[in-house]
Amino acid sequence: MALIKCPDCQRDVSETAAKCPQCGRRIASARWVYIVLALFLGVFGIHNFVAGFNRNGAIQLGMCVLSPVLGGLPLLLLFLWILYDVFCVTEDSTGRKMA
């Protein structure tokens, strides 16, 4: 089991720990939460905001908002993007594996 540094307090923490015992910062993301959010709220990009991919989340939210104006194409692209996220994204924005 490897040790990683907490981004906030720089204390050594197990890579499988959910949060830092010193400062309480969340270390590991739950992959199942990411998948559930992607499946139910994916068109709003909520799953990407939670995982720290703020730019992707903002783009997905923008596509959702603009889809009534632009027709169905943005929703089709969002659906494909969400499927990609569910099956291929295994790390959060900091590069840590989602447990």
Protein backbone atom coordinates (compact mmCIF):
# COMPACT_ATOMS: atom_id res chain seq x y z
CA MET A 1 0.00 0.00 0.00
CA ALA A 2 1.50 3.30 -1.09
CA LEU A 3 1.44 6.58 0.76
CA ILE A 4 0.46 9.86 -0.86
CA LYS A 5 0.61 13.43 0.40
CA CYS A 6 -2.56 15.20 1.46
CA PRO A 7 -2.95 18.25 -0.83
CA ASP A 8 -3.89 20.46 2.13
CA CYS A 9 -1.71 19.50 5.10
CA GLN A 10 1.03 17.51 3.28
CA ARG A 11 0.73 14.60 5.75
CA ASP A 12 1.37 11.08 4.45
CA VAL A 13 -1.94 9.28 3.90
CA SER A 14 -2.73 5.82 2.56
CA GLU A 15 -3.81 5.95 -1.08
CA THR A 16 -6.91 3.95 -0.16
CA ALA A 17 -8.02 6.34 2.61
CA ALA A 18 -11.27 8.18 2.04
CA LYS A 19 -10.09 11.29 3.88
CA CYS A 20 -7.01 12.68 5.58
CA PRO A 21 -6.95 11.83 9.31
CA GLN A 22 -5.19 15.13 10.08
CA CYS A 23 -7.29 17.74 8.27
CA GLY A 24 -10.31 15.72 7.08
CA ARG A 25 -9.92 16.51 3.38
CA ARG A 26 -11.53 13.95 1.07
CA ILE A 27 -8.81 11.93 -0.63
CA ALA A 28 -10.53 9.19 -2.63
CA SER A 29 -13.58 9.61 -4.82
CA ALA A 30 -16.21 6.89 -5.00
CA ARG A 31 -16.56 5.62 -8.56
CA TRP A 32 -20.11 4.40 -7.97
CA VAL A 33 -21.17 7.94 -7.01
CA TYR A 34 -19.62 9.25 -10.24
CA ILE A 35 -21.48 6.62 -12.30
CA VAL A 36 -24.87 7.20 -10.60
CA LEU A 37 -24.55 10.97 -11.04
CA ALA A 38 -23.53 10.49 -14.68
CA LEU A 39 -26.52 8.28 -15.40
CA PHE A 40 -29.15 10.41 -13.64
CA LEU A 41 -27.77 13.97 -13.85
CA GLY A 42 -25.21 13.59 -16.62
CA VAL A 43 -26.83 16.06 -18.97
CA PHE A 44 -26.13 18.78 -16.40
CA GLY A 45 -22.49 17.70 -15.97
CA ILE A 46 -22.89 17.22 -12.21
CA HIS A 47 -20.69 14.10 -12.18
CA ASN A 48 -17.79 16.06 -13.67
CA PHE A 49 -18.13 18.88 -11.14
CA VAL A 50 -18.01 16.31 -8.31
CA ALA A 51 -14.87 14.66 -9.76
CA GLY A 52 -13.18 18.04 -10.22
CA PHE A 53 -13.49 18.26 -14.01
CA ASN A 54 -15.06 21.71 -13.81
CA ARG A 55 -14.43 22.66 -17.44
CA ASN A 56 -16.10 19.48 -18.73
CA GLY A 57 -18.99 20.00 -16.34
CA ALA A 58 -19.44 23.59 -17.52
CA ILE A 59 -19.39 22.51 -21.17
CA GLN A 60 -21.98 19.80 -20.52
CA LEU A 61 -24.18 22.23 -18.60
CA GLY A 62 -23.89 24.75 -21.43
CA MET A 63 -24.79 22.11 -24.01
CA CYS A 64 -27.84 21.17 -21.94
CA VAL A 65 -28.97 24.78 -21.65
CA LEU A 66 -28.44 25.46 -25.37
CA SER A 67 -30.02 22.23 -26.60
CA PRO A 68 -33.54 23.72 -26.98
CA VAL A 69 -32.09 26.43 -29.22
CA LEU A 70 -29.76 24.16 -31.22
CA GLY A 71 -32.09 21.19 -31.57
CA GLY A 72 -31.40 17.61 -30.58
CA LEU A 73 -27.75 17.38 -31.64
CA PRO A 74 -26.29 18.61 -28.32
CA LEU A 75 -28.36 16.06 -26.41
CA LEU A 76 -27.14 13.25 -28.66
CA LEU A 77 -23.54 14.38 -28.15
CA LEU A 78 -24.14 14.63 -24.39
CA PHE A 79 -25.50 11.09 -24.32
CA LEU A 80 -22.39 9.76 -26.07
CA TRP A 81 -20.12 11.82 -23.80
CA ILE A 82 -21.88 10.46 -20.69
CA LEU A 83 -21.44 6.88 -21.91
CA TYR A 84 -17.75 7.57 -22.43
CA ASP A 85 -17.49 9.03 -18.91
CA VAL A 86 -19.24 6.05 -17.33
CA PHE A 87 -17.07 3.42 -19.00
CA CYS A 88 -13.70 5.14 -19.41
CA VAL A 89 -13.13 7.70 -16.64
CA THR A 90 -11.46 5.97 -13.69
CA GLU A 91 -9.52 8.86 -12.13
CA ASP A 92 -10.57 12.20 -10.67
CA SER A 93 -9.10 15.52 -11.78
CA THR A 94 -6.08 15.11 -9.47
CA GLY A 95 -5.15 11.79 -11.11
CA ARG A 96 -6.22 9.61 -8.19
CA LYS A 97 -8.07 6.38 -8.93
CA MET A 98 -11.73 6.41 -7.99
CA ALA A 99 -12.34 3.61 -5.52
